[in-house]
Amino acid sequence: MRYPIRATLPGLMPFAVVLFLSSFCSAQQVTIRVVNSGDGQPLPGWKVEVFFVSQTQGKGAIEGALHLQTDADGAVQFTLPQSVPDVLTVYAFPQLEKQEGKWYGSTVKAETAVVVQKGIQSKGITAHAKVGANPGQILILAKRVTLWDRTWRTILGPLVRG
């Protein structure tokens, strides 16, 4: 027996409404990945600080913060708070003191809606071809400090401070 399309659409409407609303009601997960920009490999054990910023409370008003550490896959995951912040500010830097000075830490500041819908990656460092941000993801690209970087810092450091 064939049913006309008009007869089946009203029956599907409650299901479509529930499906649509469930995407807004569920808690949104955000993943932060820290990878080596040179080879795309994950960087475990990095400190990651996430600040929830609300523009409605005043310019740059922080509503909360998380202090996390990347796992073996170079990732951390958290759930956005009930009152979704306007902006996420993320800092990533090496955990171990012996690594400090050997890596450039990185910062990402992005609108939460952009992170959730498209994903975002840190700027200023060229990404390895194997990595890219997915929706709901913040990709932190870390770069090693090279001998060239240290040489320029040694030569130009005193001139800039002087």
Protein backbone atom coordinates (compact mmCIF):
# COMPACT_ATOMS: atom_id res chain seq x y z
CA MET A 1 0.00 0.00 0.00
CA ARG A 2 1.41 3.40 -0.97
CA TYR A 3 0.95 6.44 1.20
CA PRO A 4 0.97 9.92 -0.24
CA ILE A 5 3.88 12.09 0.90
CA ARG A 6 1.50 14.59 2.52
CA ALA A 7 0.20 11.91 4.87
CA THR A 8 3.65 10.89 6.14
CA LEU A 9 5.18 14.36 6.67
CA PRO A 10 2.98 15.33 9.64
CA GLY A 11 3.92 12.04 11.30
CA LEU A 12 7.62 12.83 10.93
CA MET A 13 7.35 16.40 12.24
CA PRO A 14 7.59 15.56 15.99
CA PHE A 15 10.62 13.38 15.32
CA ALA A 16 12.32 16.18 13.34
CA VAL A 17 11.63 18.73 16.09
CA VAL A 18 13.07 16.46 18.80
CA LEU A 19 16.16 15.77 16.67
CA PHE A 20 16.66 19.50 16.00
CA LEU A 21 16.28 20.52 19.65
CA SER A 22 18.55 17.73 20.93
CA SER A 23 21.51 19.30 19.16
CA PHE A 24 21.02 22.47 21.21
CA CYS A 25 20.23 20.81 24.52
CA SER A 26 23.14 18.39 24.69
CA ALA A 27 26.36 19.45 26.35
CA GLN A 28 28.93 20.54 23.79
CA GLN A 29 32.34 18.87 23.93
CA VAL A 30 35.46 20.73 22.81
CA THR A 31 38.76 18.98 22.11
CA ILE A 32 42.13 20.71 22.18
CA ARG A 33 45.00 18.97 20.39
CA VAL A 34 48.64 20.04 20.76
CA VAL A 35 50.88 18.83 17.93
CA ASN A 36 54.37 19.39 16.59
CA SER A 37 53.98 21.71 13.59
CA GLY A 38 56.96 20.06 11.89
CA ASP A 39 55.75 16.48 11.74
CA GLY A 40 52.15 16.52 13.04
CA GLN A 41 52.98 14.25 16.00
CA PRO A 42 51.01 14.76 19.25
CA LEU A 43 52.72 16.41 22.22
CA PRO A 44 51.73 14.65 25.46
CA GLY A 45 52.16 16.23 28.88
CA TRP A 46 51.65 19.87 27.84
CA LYS A 47 49.85 22.29 30.15
CA VAL A 48 46.67 23.71 28.65
CA GLU A 49 44.82 26.60 30.23
CA VAL A 50 41.34 27.47 28.98
CA PHE A 51 39.62 30.73 29.91
CA PHE A 52 35.90 31.29 29.34
CA VAL A 53 35.38 34.92 28.34
CA SER A 54 32.04 36.71 28.26
CA GLN A 55 31.82 39.91 26.23
CA THR A 56 28.39 40.68 27.76
CA GLN A 57 29.93 41.00 31.25
CA GLY A 58 32.40 43.59 30.00
CA LYS A 59 35.33 43.49 27.64
CA GLY A 60 37.33 40.37 28.38
CA ALA A 61 35.46 39.36 31.55
CA ILE A 62 36.57 35.85 32.55
CA GLU A 63 33.71 33.65 33.75
CA GLY A 64 35.79 30.57 34.49
CA ALA A 65 38.95 28.65 33.72
CA LEU A 66 40.26 25.11 33.33
CA HIS A 67 43.81 23.90 33.92
CA LEU A 68 44.43 20.69 32.01
CA GLN A 69 47.24 18.47 30.71
CA THR A 70 47.39 16.71 27.34
CA ASP A 71 47.14 12.92 27.30
CA ALA A 72 49.26 10.45 25.30
CA ASP A 73 47.49 11.60 22.12
CA GLY A 74 48.34 15.25 22.81
CA ALA A 75 44.68 16.03 23.51
CA VAL A 76 42.39 17.28 26.25
CA GLN A 77 38.60 17.36 26.17
CA PHE A 78 36.12 19.37 28.18
CA THR A 79 32.44 20.25 28.20
CA LEU A 80 31.37 23.84 27.68
CA PRO A 81 29.58 25.34 30.70
CA GLN A 82 25.78 25.79 30.70
CA SER A 83 26.11 29.50 29.99
CA VAL A 84 28.23 29.14 26.86
CA PRO A 85 31.06 31.71 26.84
CA ASP A 86 31.39 34.13 23.91
CA VAL A 87 35.13 33.54 23.53
CA LEU A 88 37.60 30.78 24.43
CA THR A 89 41.19 31.77 25.17
CA VAL A 90 43.63 28.85 25.25
CA TYR A 91 47.30 28.80 26.27
CA ALA A 92 49.51 25.74 25.75
CA PHE A 93 53.09 25.31 26.95
CA PRO A 94 55.44 22.48 27.92
CA GLN A 95 54.92 20.90 31.33
CA LEU A 96 58.49 19.86 32.00
CA GLU A 97 61.06 22.50 32.86
CA LYS A 98 63.66 20.73 30.70
CA GLN A 99 61.39 21.37 27.68
CA GLU A 100 60.87 25.07 28.43
CA GLY A 101 62.98 27.17 26.13
CA LYS A 102 63.02 24.35 23.56
CA TRP A 103 59.45 24.94 22.37
CA TYR A 104 57.39 28.00 21.58
CA GLY A 105 54.17 27.97 23.58
CA SER A 106 51.04 28.94 21.70
CA THR A 107 47.83 30.87 22.24
CA VAL A 108 44.44 30.73 20.55
CA LYS A 109 41.63 33.21 21.11
CA ALA A 110 38.43 32.39 19.22
CA GLU A 111 34.68 32.84 19.30
CA THR A 112 33.10 29.74 20.80
CA ALA A 113 30.57 29.49 17.95
CA VAL A 114 33.40 29.32 15.39
CA VAL A 115 35.19 26.60 17.38
CA VAL A 116 32.02 24.51 17.65
CA GLN A 117 30.94 24.94 14.02
CA LYS A 118 34.24 24.91 12.12
CA GLY A 119 37.16 24.33 14.47
CA ILE A 120 40.21 26.59 14.64
CA GLN A 121 43.99 26.34 14.77
CA SER A 122 46.72 28.56 16.13
CA LYS A 123 48.10 31.17 13.77
CA GLY A 124 51.63 32.26 12.97
CA ILE A 125 53.08 28.77 12.61
CA THR A 126 52.88 26.78 9.40
CA ALA A 127 50.93 23.56 9.85
CA HIS A 128 52.13 20.14 8.82
CA ALA A 129 50.04 18.78 5.94
CA LYS A 130 48.73 15.89 8.07
CA VAL A 131 46.94 18.03 10.64
CA GLY A 132 43.91 20.28 10.61
CA ALA A 133 41.13 21.33 12.97
CA ASN A 134 37.71 19.70 12.79
CA PRO A 135 34.43 21.14 14.12
CA GLY A 136 34.52 21.29 17.92
CA GLN A 137 38.30 21.26 17.94
CA ILE A 138 41.10 23.69 18.71
CA LEU A 139 44.43 22.72 17.15
CA ILE A 140 47.54 24.13 18.83
CA LEU A 141 50.62 24.03 16.62
CA ALA A 142 53.84 23.98 18.62
CA LYS A 143 57.21 24.82 17.11
CA ARG A 144 60.64 23.84 18.34
CA VAL A 145 63.08 26.64 19.12
CA THR A 146 65.90 26.20 16.62
CA LEU A 147 69.57 27.11 16.80
CA TRP A 148 68.79 29.92 14.36
CA ASP A 149 66.10 31.28 16.74
CA ARG A 150 68.49 31.18 19.70
CA THR A 151 71.24 32.89 17.71
CA TRP A 152 68.97 35.74 16.67
CA ARG A 153 67.66 36.07 20.22
CA THR A 154 71.25 36.29 21.51
CA ILE A 155 72.25 38.91 18.92
CA LEU A 156 69.09 41.00 18.86
CA GLY A 157 67.98 40.55 22.48
CA PRO A 158 70.36 43.15 23.94
CA LEU A 159 69.62 45.59 21.11
CA VAL A 160 65.87 45.38 21.61
CA ARG A 161 66.05 45.72 25.42
CA GLY A 162 68.78 48.38 25.32
